[in-house]
Amino acid sequence: MVNKNYYQSKSNRYNITLPVGWVFEEDKNVASIFEPNNGKGVLQISSYEIPIDYDINVKKS
């Protein structure tokens, strides 16, 4: 658990300024941001990156 007011993702794709007193925990590709004292509110961010040369085949239904 890290207690600071700024979170930078490992991938450098996004950053978040946290409210005072909130913390974040990181487990693999999931970041959880919450207020640890009274449990009010939780924000979870899950992310992954697709290689630039990956061929995405999107089908319309």
C-alpha atoms as a PDB file:
ATOM      1  CA  MET A   1       0.000   0.000   0.000  1.00  0.00           C
ATOM      2  CA  VAL A   2       1.490   3.332  -1.060  1.00  0.00           C
ATOM      3  CA  ASN A   3       0.394   6.586   0.537  1.00  0.00           C
ATOM      4  CA  LYS A   4       1.105   9.529  -1.748  1.00  0.00           C
ATOM      5  CA  ASN A   5      -1.081  11.914  -3.706  1.00  0.00           C
ATOM      6  CA  TYR A   6       0.030  10.952  -7.212  1.00  0.00           C
ATOM      7  CA  TYR A   7      -0.112   7.635  -9.069  1.00  0.00           C
ATOM      8  CA  GLN A   8       1.735   6.956 -12.347  1.00  0.00           C
ATOM      9  CA  SER A   9       0.891   3.676 -14.091  1.00  0.00           C
ATOM     10  CA  LYS A  10       3.752   1.260 -14.717  1.00  0.00           C
ATOM     11  CA  SER A  11       3.073   1.538 -18.456  1.00  0.00           C
ATOM     12  CA  ASN A  12       3.155   5.360 -18.284  1.00  0.00           C
ATOM     13  CA  ARG A  13      -0.206   5.393 -20.115  1.00  0.00           C
ATOM     14  CA  TYR A  14      -2.059   7.341 -17.403  1.00  0.00           C
ATOM     15  CA  ASN A  15      -1.606   9.132 -14.090  1.00  0.00           C
ATOM     16  CA  ILE A  16      -4.019  10.077 -11.345  1.00  0.00           C
ATOM     17  CA  THR A  17      -3.920  12.706  -8.613  1.00  0.00           C
ATOM     18  CA  LEU A  18      -5.399  11.083  -5.512  1.00  0.00           C
ATOM     19  CA  PRO A  19      -7.544  12.798  -2.882  1.00  0.00           C
ATOM     20  CA  VAL A  20      -5.671  13.523   0.361  1.00  0.00           C
ATOM     21  CA  GLY A  21      -5.513  10.419   2.540  1.00  0.00           C
ATOM     22  CA  TRP A  22      -6.265   7.950  -0.260  1.00  0.00           C
ATOM     23  CA  VAL A  23      -3.790   5.195  -1.140  1.00  0.00           C
ATOM     24  CA  PHE A  24      -3.187   2.777  -3.977  1.00  0.00           C
ATOM     25  CA  GLU A  25      -2.218  -0.873  -4.186  1.00  0.00           C
ATOM     26  CA  GLU A  26      -0.967  -2.483  -7.342  1.00  0.00           C
ATOM     27  CA  ASP A  27      -1.160  -6.164  -8.266  1.00  0.00           C
ATOM     28  CA  LYS A  28       0.006  -7.125 -11.758  1.00  0.00           C
ATOM     29  CA  ASN A  29      -2.198  -5.093 -14.160  1.00  0.00           C
ATOM     30  CA  VAL A  30      -4.760  -3.899 -11.594  1.00  0.00           C
ATOM     31  CA  ALA A  31      -4.481  -0.686  -9.574  1.00  0.00           C
ATOM     32  CA  SER A  32      -6.842  -0.219  -6.615  1.00  0.00           C
ATOM     33  CA  ILE A  33      -7.301   3.282  -5.227  1.00  0.00           C
ATOM     34  CA  PHE A  34      -9.195   3.776  -1.967  1.00  0.00           C
ATOM     35  CA  GLU A  35      -9.545   5.566   1.374  1.00  0.00           C
ATOM     36  CA  PRO A  36      -8.152   3.112   3.956  1.00  0.00           C
ATOM     37  CA  ASN A  37      -9.582   4.549   7.191  1.00  0.00           C
ATOM     38  CA  ASN A  38     -13.326   4.378   6.593  1.00  0.00           C
ATOM     39  CA  GLY A  39     -13.573   2.383   3.371  1.00  0.00           C
ATOM     40  CA  LYS A  40     -15.470   5.033   1.414  1.00  0.00           C
ATOM     41  CA  GLY A  41     -15.071   4.577  -2.303  1.00  0.00           C
ATOM     42  CA  VAL A  42     -12.873   2.329  -4.400  1.00  0.00           C
ATOM     43  CA  LEU A  43     -11.572   2.809  -7.913  1.00  0.00           C
ATOM     44  CA  GLN A  44     -10.015  -0.147  -9.722  1.00  0.00           C
ATOM     45  CA  ILE A  45      -8.212   0.220 -13.027  1.00  0.00           C
ATOM     46  CA  SER A  46      -7.290  -2.792 -15.135  1.00  0.00           C
ATOM     47  CA  SER A  47      -5.164  -2.354 -18.234  1.00  0.00           C
ATOM     48  CA  TYR A  48      -3.110  -4.207 -20.796  1.00  0.00           C
ATOM     49  CA  GLU A  49      -1.305  -3.295 -23.970  1.00  0.00           C
ATOM     50  CA  ILE A  50      -1.664  -4.878 -27.417  1.00  0.00           C
ATOM     51  CA  PRO A  51       1.529  -4.930 -29.499  1.00  0.00           C
ATOM     52  CA  ILE A  52       1.483  -2.420 -32.362  1.00  0.00           C
ATOM     53  CA  ASP A  53       1.931  -5.184 -34.962  1.00  0.00           C
ATOM     54  CA  TYR A  54      -0.953  -7.299 -33.593  1.00  0.00           C
ATOM     55  CA  ASP A  55      -3.603  -8.012 -36.244  1.00  0.00           C
ATOM     56  CA  ILE A  56      -7.039  -7.290 -34.775  1.00  0.00           C
ATOM     57  CA  ASN A  57      -9.886  -8.935 -36.642  1.00  0.00           C
ATOM     58  CA  VAL A  58     -13.147  -7.209 -35.733  1.00  0.00           C
ATOM     59  CA  LYS A  59     -16.301  -8.901 -36.993  1.00  0.00           C
ATOM     60  CA  LYS A  60     -19.680  -7.201 -37.211  1.00  0.00           C
ATOM     61  CA  SER A  61     -22.600  -9.274 -35.997  1.00  0.00           C
END
